[in-house]
Amino acid sequence: MKTKLTTLLFSVMITMGCSNDSDTIDGDVSIMGKWQMTERYVSPGGETEWKEVKDGEIHYFKTDSTFTSNGMDCPEGDFSVKGDKLQLDFNCNYAAEPQVMRFSFDGGDLILTPLSPSFCIEACLYRYEKID
């Protein structure tokens, strides 16, 4: 069980390890556009697998470095990319801590892994499909 999880995490880290300071990794796919969550990989402890998400949240990353989302308490703000890190700075009427995620691409899908504030004790990855 631990071997499978270790192998999966190692594979994910290798995939996410390549970085640059643009909105693409390996120049193939850009983070710009509308992305809808289609699967999640969240481990409450022990083994897990990708699980389908129906009517998943949508993130829209615009070319002016702003974003909107229907899956967050604060639905809009600015974003920046440094290497394989995506930072969301929220524009709310209240103080909202920026969210930092690691991003990578698997085929044409976007994979997001929350880094801070910390949401997950064990593995948690979210797969998004480009819809626009």
N, C-alpha and C. Protein backbone atom coordinates (compact mmCIF):
# COMPACT_ATOMS: atom_id res chain seq x y z
N MET A 1 0.82 -1.18 0.00
CA MET A 1 0.00 0.00 0.00
C MET A 1 0.87 1.25 0.00
N LYS A 2 1.85 1.31 0.91
CA LYS A 2 2.72 2.47 0.96
C LYS A 2 3.58 2.56 -0.29
N THR A 3 3.95 1.41 -0.85
CA THR A 3 4.76 1.39 -2.05
C THR A 3 4.01 2.02 -3.22
N LYS A 4 2.72 1.69 -3.37
CA LYS A 4 1.92 2.26 -4.46
C LYS A 4 1.79 3.77 -4.29
N LEU A 5 1.52 4.23 -3.07
CA LEU A 5 1.37 5.65 -2.81
C LEU A 5 2.69 6.37 -3.03
N THR A 6 3.79 5.78 -2.56
CA THR A 6 5.11 6.38 -2.74
C THR A 6 5.43 6.48 -4.23
N THR A 7 5.15 5.44 -4.98
CA THR A 7 5.40 5.44 -6.42
C THR A 7 4.58 6.51 -7.11
N LEU A 8 3.28 6.63 -6.75
CA LEU A 8 2.43 7.65 -7.34
C LEU A 8 2.95 9.04 -7.02
N LEU A 9 3.26 9.30 -5.76
CA LEU A 9 3.75 10.62 -5.37
C LEU A 9 5.06 10.95 -6.06
N PHE A 10 5.96 9.96 -6.18
CA PHE A 10 7.22 10.17 -6.86
C PHE A 10 6.97 10.52 -8.33
N SER A 11 6.05 9.81 -8.97
CA SER A 11 5.72 10.08 -10.37
C SER A 11 5.16 11.49 -10.54
N VAL A 12 4.29 11.89 -9.62
CA VAL A 12 3.71 13.22 -9.68
C VAL A 12 4.79 14.28 -9.50
N MET A 13 5.71 14.06 -8.55
CA MET A 13 6.78 15.03 -8.31
C MET A 13 7.70 15.13 -9.51
N ILE A 14 8.00 14.02 -10.16
CA ILE A 14 8.84 14.04 -11.36
C ILE A 14 8.14 14.85 -12.45
N THR A 15 6.84 14.59 -12.64
CA THR A 15 6.07 15.30 -13.67
C THR A 15 6.03 16.78 -13.39
N MET A 16 5.89 17.15 -12.13
CA MET A 16 5.77 18.55 -11.76
C MET A 16 7.12 19.23 -11.57
N GLY A 17 8.18 18.47 -11.58
CA GLY A 17 9.50 19.02 -11.28
C GLY A 17 10.04 19.98 -12.32
N CYS A 18 9.68 19.85 -13.57
CA CYS A 18 10.16 20.74 -14.61
C CYS A 18 9.43 22.06 -14.49
N SER A 19 10.18 23.17 -14.49
CA SER A 19 9.50 24.44 -14.33
C SER A 19 10.19 25.55 -15.10
N ASN A 20 9.41 26.60 -15.37
CA ASN A 20 9.91 27.82 -15.94
C ASN A 20 9.01 28.93 -15.44
N ASP A 21 9.21 30.15 -15.90
CA ASP A 21 8.42 31.27 -15.40
C ASP A 21 7.37 31.72 -16.41
N SER A 22 6.68 30.79 -17.02
CA SER A 22 5.61 31.14 -17.93
C SER A 22 4.36 30.38 -17.52
N ASP A 23 3.30 30.58 -18.27
CA ASP A 23 2.05 29.90 -17.94
C ASP A 23 1.95 28.54 -18.62
N THR A 24 3.07 28.04 -19.15
CA THR A 24 3.11 26.73 -19.78
C THR A 24 4.24 25.91 -19.19
N ILE A 25 4.14 24.63 -19.34
CA ILE A 25 5.23 23.73 -18.99
C ILE A 25 5.55 22.97 -20.27
N ASP A 26 6.80 22.98 -20.67
CA ASP A 26 7.25 22.37 -21.92
C ASP A 26 6.63 23.04 -23.14
N GLY A 27 6.04 24.24 -22.98
CA GLY A 27 5.53 25.01 -24.09
C GLY A 27 4.30 24.43 -24.80
N ASP A 28 3.73 23.37 -24.28
CA ASP A 28 2.62 22.71 -24.98
C ASP A 28 1.26 23.33 -24.68
N VAL A 29 0.90 23.45 -23.44
CA VAL A 29 -0.43 23.87 -23.05
C VAL A 29 -0.32 25.09 -22.14
N SER A 30 -1.17 26.05 -22.32
CA SER A 30 -1.18 27.26 -21.50
C SER A 30 -2.26 27.14 -20.44
N ILE A 31 -2.02 27.77 -19.31
CA ILE A 31 -3.01 27.79 -18.24
C ILE A 31 -4.17 28.74 -18.58
N MET A 32 -3.97 29.60 -19.57
CA MET A 32 -5.01 30.57 -19.95
C MET A 32 -6.24 29.85 -20.49
N GLY A 33 -7.41 30.35 -20.12
CA GLY A 33 -8.67 29.80 -20.60
C GLY A 33 -9.54 29.31 -19.46
N LYS A 34 -10.63 28.63 -19.83
CA LYS A 34 -11.58 28.10 -18.84
C LYS A 34 -11.28 26.63 -18.63
N TRP A 35 -11.21 26.25 -17.36
CA TRP A 35 -10.89 24.88 -16.96
C TRP A 35 -11.96 24.38 -16.00
N GLN A 36 -12.50 23.19 -16.27
CA GLN A 36 -13.50 22.60 -15.39
C GLN A 36 -12.96 21.33 -14.74
N MET A 37 -13.15 21.24 -13.42
CA MET A 37 -12.69 20.06 -12.69
C MET A 37 -13.48 18.84 -13.15
N THR A 38 -12.73 17.77 -13.48
CA THR A 38 -13.36 16.53 -13.93
C THR A 38 -13.08 15.36 -12.99
N GLU A 39 -11.95 15.43 -12.25
CA GLU A 39 -11.59 14.36 -11.33
C GLU A 39 -10.83 14.94 -10.14
N ARG A 40 -10.86 14.17 -9.05
CA ARG A 40 -10.08 14.56 -7.87
C ARG A 40 -9.39 13.31 -7.32
N TYR A 41 -8.24 13.54 -6.72
CA TYR A 41 -7.47 12.46 -6.10
C TYR A 41 -7.14 12.95 -4.70
N VAL A 42 -7.98 12.61 -3.75
CA VAL A 42 -7.83 13.09 -2.38
C VAL A 42 -7.76 11.89 -1.46
N SER A 43 -6.69 11.83 -0.69
CA SER A 43 -6.49 10.69 0.20
C SER A 43 -6.77 11.09 1.64
N PRO A 44 -7.81 10.52 2.24
CA PRO A 44 -8.06 10.76 3.65
C PRO A 44 -7.19 9.87 4.53
N GLY A 45 -6.33 9.11 3.91
CA GLY A 45 -5.47 8.14 4.60
C GLY A 45 -5.62 6.81 3.90
N GLY A 46 -4.51 6.18 3.61
CA GLY A 46 -4.58 4.90 2.90
C GLY A 46 -4.62 5.11 1.41
N GLU A 47 -4.97 4.05 0.71
CA GLU A 47 -4.99 4.09 -0.75
C GLU A 47 -6.18 4.86 -1.27
N THR A 48 -6.02 5.42 -2.44
CA THR A 48 -7.10 6.13 -3.11
C THR A 48 -6.87 6.05 -4.61
N GLU A 49 -7.78 6.61 -5.37
CA GLU A 49 -7.66 6.63 -6.82
C GLU A 49 -8.37 7.87 -7.32
N TRP A 50 -8.18 8.20 -8.60
CA TRP A 50 -8.90 9.32 -9.19
C TRP A 50 -10.39 9.02 -9.16
N LYS A 51 -11.18 10.02 -8.76
CA LYS A 51 -12.64 9.88 -8.71
C LYS A 51 -13.26 10.98 -9.57
N GLU A 52 -14.25 10.58 -10.35
CA GLU A 52 -14.93 11.52 -11.25
C GLU A 52 -15.69 12.57 -10.44
N VAL A 53 -15.71 13.79 -10.96
CA VAL A 53 -16.45 14.90 -10.36
C VAL A 53 -17.51 15.35 -11.36
N LYS A 54 -18.75 15.35 -10.96
CA LYS A 54 -19.85 15.82 -11.81
C LYS A 54 -20.02 17.32 -11.62
N ASP A 55 -20.21 18.05 -12.70
CA ASP A 55 -20.42 19.51 -12.66
C ASP A 55 -19.37 20.20 -11.79
N GLY A 56 -18.11 19.89 -12.05
CA GLY A 56 -17.01 20.44 -11.26
C GLY A 56 -16.88 21.95 -11.41
N GLU A 57 -16.19 22.54 -10.45
CA GLU A 57 -15.97 23.97 -10.45
C GLU A 57 -15.20 24.40 -11.70
N ILE A 58 -15.36 25.66 -12.06
CA ILE A 58 -14.70 26.21 -13.25
C ILE A 58 -13.81 27.38 -12.83
N HIS A 59 -12.57 27.34 -13.29
CA HIS A 59 -11.62 28.45 -13.12
C HIS A 59 -11.38 29.04 -14.50
N TYR A 60 -11.39 30.36 -14.57
CA TYR A 60 -11.14 31.05 -15.84
C TYR A 60 -9.93 31.96 -15.64
N PHE A 61 -8.81 31.60 -16.28
CA PHE A 61 -7.56 32.36 -16.21
C PHE A 61 -7.47 33.21 -17.47
N LYS A 62 -7.47 34.53 -17.28
CA LYS A 62 -7.51 35.47 -18.41
C LYS A 62 -6.11 35.99 -18.73
N THR A 63 -5.93 36.47 -19.95
CA THR A 63 -4.62 36.93 -20.41
C THR A 63 -4.15 38.19 -19.69
N ASP A 64 -5.06 38.91 -19.01
CA ASP A 64 -4.65 40.10 -18.25
C ASP A 64 -4.24 39.75 -16.81
N SER A 65 -3.99 38.47 -16.55
CA SER A 65 -3.56 37.96 -15.24
C SER A 65 -4.63 38.07 -14.16
N THR A 66 -5.89 38.07 -14.57
CA THR A 66 -7.00 38.00 -13.61
C THR A 66 -7.67 36.64 -13.77
N PHE A 67 -8.43 36.26 -12.75
CA PHE A 67 -9.16 34.99 -12.81
C PHE A 67 -10.52 35.16 -12.19
N THR A 68 -11.43 34.26 -12.57
CA THR A 68 -12.71 34.11 -11.89
C THR A 68 -12.89 32.63 -11.62
N SER A 69 -13.68 32.32 -10.61
CA SER A 69 -13.91 30.92 -10.25
C SER A 69 -15.27 30.80 -9.58
N ASN A 70 -15.97 29.72 -9.90
CA ASN A 70 -17.25 29.47 -9.23
C ASN A 70 -17.07 28.46 -8.09
N GLY A 71 -15.83 28.14 -7.75
CA GLY A 71 -15.58 27.14 -6.73
C GLY A 71 -14.86 27.67 -5.50
N MET A 72 -14.83 28.98 -5.34
CA MET A 72 -14.12 29.56 -4.19
C MET A 72 -15.02 30.58 -3.52
N ASP A 73 -14.78 30.80 -2.21
CA ASP A 73 -15.55 31.79 -1.47
C ASP A 73 -15.38 33.18 -2.08
N CYS A 74 -14.16 33.48 -2.48
CA CYS A 74 -13.88 34.75 -3.14
C CYS A 74 -13.68 34.43 -4.62
N PRO A 75 -14.62 34.80 -5.48
CA PRO A 75 -14.65 34.28 -6.85
C PRO A 75 -13.78 34.98 -7.88
N GLU A 76 -12.98 35.98 -7.48
CA GLU A 76 -12.16 36.66 -8.47
C GLU A 76 -10.91 37.25 -7.85
N GLY A 77 -9.96 37.56 -8.73
CA GLY A 77 -8.72 38.15 -8.27
C GLY A 77 -7.68 38.14 -9.37
N ASP A 78 -6.43 38.24 -8.94
CA ASP A 78 -5.29 38.24 -9.85
C ASP A 78 -4.51 36.96 -9.64
N PHE A 79 -3.81 36.51 -10.68
CA PHE A 79 -2.96 35.34 -10.53
C PHE A 79 -1.58 35.61 -11.10
N SER A 80 -0.61 34.85 -10.61
CA SER A 80 0.75 34.93 -11.14
C SER A 80 1.32 33.53 -11.19
N VAL A 81 2.27 33.35 -12.10
CA VAL A 81 2.92 32.06 -12.29
C VAL A 81 4.42 32.25 -12.11
N LYS A 82 5.02 31.41 -11.27
CA LYS A 82 6.47 31.38 -11.10
C LYS A 82 6.88 29.92 -11.12
N GLY A 83 7.58 29.54 -12.18
CA GLY A 83 7.95 28.14 -12.32
C GLY A 83 6.70 27.30 -12.45
N ASP A 84 6.57 26.30 -11.57
CA ASP A 84 5.38 25.45 -11.60
C ASP A 84 4.41 25.81 -10.49
N LYS A 85 4.52 27.04 -9.96
CA LYS A 85 3.64 27.52 -8.89
C LYS A 85 2.66 28.55 -9.44
N LEU A 86 1.41 28.40 -9.08
CA LEU A 86 0.34 29.32 -9.44
C LEU A 86 -0.15 29.97 -8.16
N GLN A 87 -0.11 31.31 -8.11
CA GLN A 87 -0.59 32.02 -6.93
C GLN A 87 -1.85 32.80 -7.28
N LEU A 88 -2.88 32.61 -6.46
CA LEU A 88 -4.14 33.33 -6.60
C LEU A 88 -4.24 34.37 -5.51
N ASP A 89 -4.34 35.64 -5.90
CA ASP A 89 -4.54 36.75 -4.96
C ASP A 89 -5.97 37.23 -5.14
N PHE A 90 -6.76 37.09 -4.09
CA PHE A 90 -8.19 37.33 -4.17
C PHE A 90 -8.55 38.80 -4.00
N ASN A 91 -9.57 39.26 -4.73
CA ASN A 91 -10.11 40.62 -4.62
C ASN A 91 -11.47 40.52 -3.92
N CYS A 92 -11.44 40.61 -2.60
CA CYS A 92 -12.67 40.49 -1.81
C CYS A 92 -12.84 41.71 -0.92
N ASN A 93 -14.02 41.83 -0.35
CA ASN A 93 -14.29 42.89 0.62
C ASN A 93 -13.76 42.52 2.00
N TYR A 94 -13.09 41.39 2.11
CA TYR A 94 -12.53 40.94 3.37
C TYR A 94 -11.13 40.38 3.09
N ALA A 95 -10.35 40.24 4.13
CA ALA A 95 -8.99 39.72 3.97
C ALA A 95 -9.04 38.25 3.58
N ALA A 96 -8.39 37.91 2.49
CA ALA A 96 -8.34 36.52 2.03
C ALA A 96 -6.88 36.19 1.73
N GLU A 97 -6.38 35.17 2.38
CA GLU A 97 -5.00 34.74 2.19
C GLU A 97 -4.80 34.22 0.77
N PRO A 98 -3.70 34.62 0.11
CA PRO A 98 -3.44 34.08 -1.23
C PRO A 98 -3.35 32.56 -1.19
N GLN A 99 -3.72 31.94 -2.30
CA GLN A 99 -3.63 30.49 -2.41
C GLN A 99 -2.53 30.16 -3.41
N VAL A 100 -1.66 29.24 -3.03
CA VAL A 100 -0.57 28.80 -3.91
C VAL A 100 -0.80 27.34 -4.25
N MET A 101 -0.67 27.04 -5.54
CA MET A 101 -0.85 25.67 -6.01
C MET A 101 0.29 25.31 -6.97
N ARG A 102 0.65 24.06 -6.98
CA ARG A 102 1.56 23.55 -8.01
C ARG A 102 0.70 23.17 -9.19
N PHE A 103 1.15 23.50 -10.41
CA PHE A 103 0.39 23.09 -11.58
C PHE A 103 1.28 22.31 -12.54
N SER A 104 0.63 21.41 -13.25
CA SER A 104 1.30 20.64 -14.30
C SER A 104 0.24 20.26 -15.31
N PHE A 105 0.69 19.70 -16.41
CA PHE A 105 -0.24 19.26 -17.44
C PHE A 105 -0.04 17.78 -17.68
N ASP A 106 -1.13 17.06 -17.83
CA ASP A 106 -1.12 15.64 -18.16
C ASP A 106 -1.92 15.50 -19.44
N GLY A 107 -1.22 15.36 -20.56
CA GLY A 107 -1.91 15.44 -21.84
C GLY A 107 -2.38 16.87 -21.97
N GLY A 108 -3.63 17.07 -22.24
CA GLY A 108 -4.19 18.42 -22.31
C GLY A 108 -4.85 18.87 -21.02
N ASP A 109 -4.81 18.03 -19.98
CA ASP A 109 -5.48 18.35 -18.72
C ASP A 109 -4.55 19.12 -17.78
N LEU A 110 -5.14 19.99 -16.98
CA LEU A 110 -4.44 20.76 -15.97
C LEU A 110 -4.57 20.03 -14.64
N ILE A 111 -3.45 19.83 -13.95
CA ILE A 111 -3.46 19.20 -12.63
C ILE A 111 -3.05 20.27 -11.61
N LEU A 112 -3.89 20.50 -10.62
CA LEU A 112 -3.59 21.47 -9.55
C LEU A 112 -3.43 20.73 -8.23
N THR A 113 -2.39 21.12 -7.49
CA THR A 113 -2.12 20.57 -6.17
C THR A 113 -1.99 21.73 -5.18
N PRO A 114 -2.93 21.90 -4.26
CA PRO A 114 -2.84 22.99 -3.28
C PRO A 114 -1.59 22.85 -2.41
N LEU A 115 -0.88 23.97 -2.22
CA LEU A 115 0.31 23.98 -1.36
C LEU A 115 0.09 24.81 -0.11
N SER A 116 -0.48 26.02 -0.26
CA SER A 116 -0.76 26.84 0.90
C SER A 116 -1.95 27.75 0.60
N PRO A 117 -2.78 28.07 1.55
CA PRO A 117 -2.73 27.41 2.85
C PRO A 117 -2.97 25.92 2.68
N SER A 118 -2.39 25.17 3.59
CA SER A 118 -2.42 23.71 3.49
C SER A 118 -3.84 23.19 3.71
N PHE A 119 -4.35 22.43 2.74
CA PHE A 119 -5.68 21.85 2.83
C PHE A 119 -5.63 20.35 3.06
N CYS A 120 -4.55 19.74 2.66
CA CYS A 120 -4.49 18.29 2.64
C CYS A 120 -3.40 17.76 3.56
N ILE A 121 -3.73 16.70 4.28
CA ILE A 121 -2.74 16.04 5.12
C ILE A 121 -1.95 15.06 4.26
N GLU A 122 -2.64 14.36 3.38
CA GLU A 122 -2.00 13.43 2.46
C GLU A 122 -2.23 13.93 1.03
N ALA A 123 -2.12 13.06 0.06
CA ALA A 123 -2.20 13.45 -1.35
C ALA A 123 -3.52 14.13 -1.68
N CYS A 124 -3.44 15.22 -2.45
CA CYS A 124 -4.65 15.79 -3.03
C CYS A 124 -4.27 16.50 -4.32
N LEU A 125 -4.89 16.04 -5.39
CA LEU A 125 -4.67 16.56 -6.73
C LEU A 125 -6.04 16.74 -7.39
N TYR A 126 -6.13 17.73 -8.26
CA TYR A 126 -7.38 18.00 -8.95
C TYR A 126 -7.11 18.12 -10.44
N ARG A 127 -7.89 17.40 -11.25
CA ARG A 127 -7.70 17.38 -12.71
C ARG A 127 -8.79 18.26 -13.34
N TYR A 128 -8.36 19.15 -14.25
CA TYR A 128 -9.26 20.05 -14.95
C TYR A 128 -9.11 19.83 -16.45
N GLU A 129 -10.23 19.92 -17.15
CA GLU A 129 -10.27 19.81 -18.60
C GLU A 129 -10.56 21.20 -19.16
N LYS A 130 -9.83 21.56 -20.21
CA LYS A 130 -10.06 22.88 -20.82
C LYS A 130 -11.38 22.87 -21.56
N ILE A 131 -12.22 23.86 -21.28
CA ILE A 131 -13.53 23.93 -21.92
C ILE A 131 -13.65 25.14 -22.82
N ASP A 132 -12.65 26.02 -22.85
CA ASP A 132 -12.69 27.20 -23.72
C ASP A 132 -11.30 27.71 -23.93
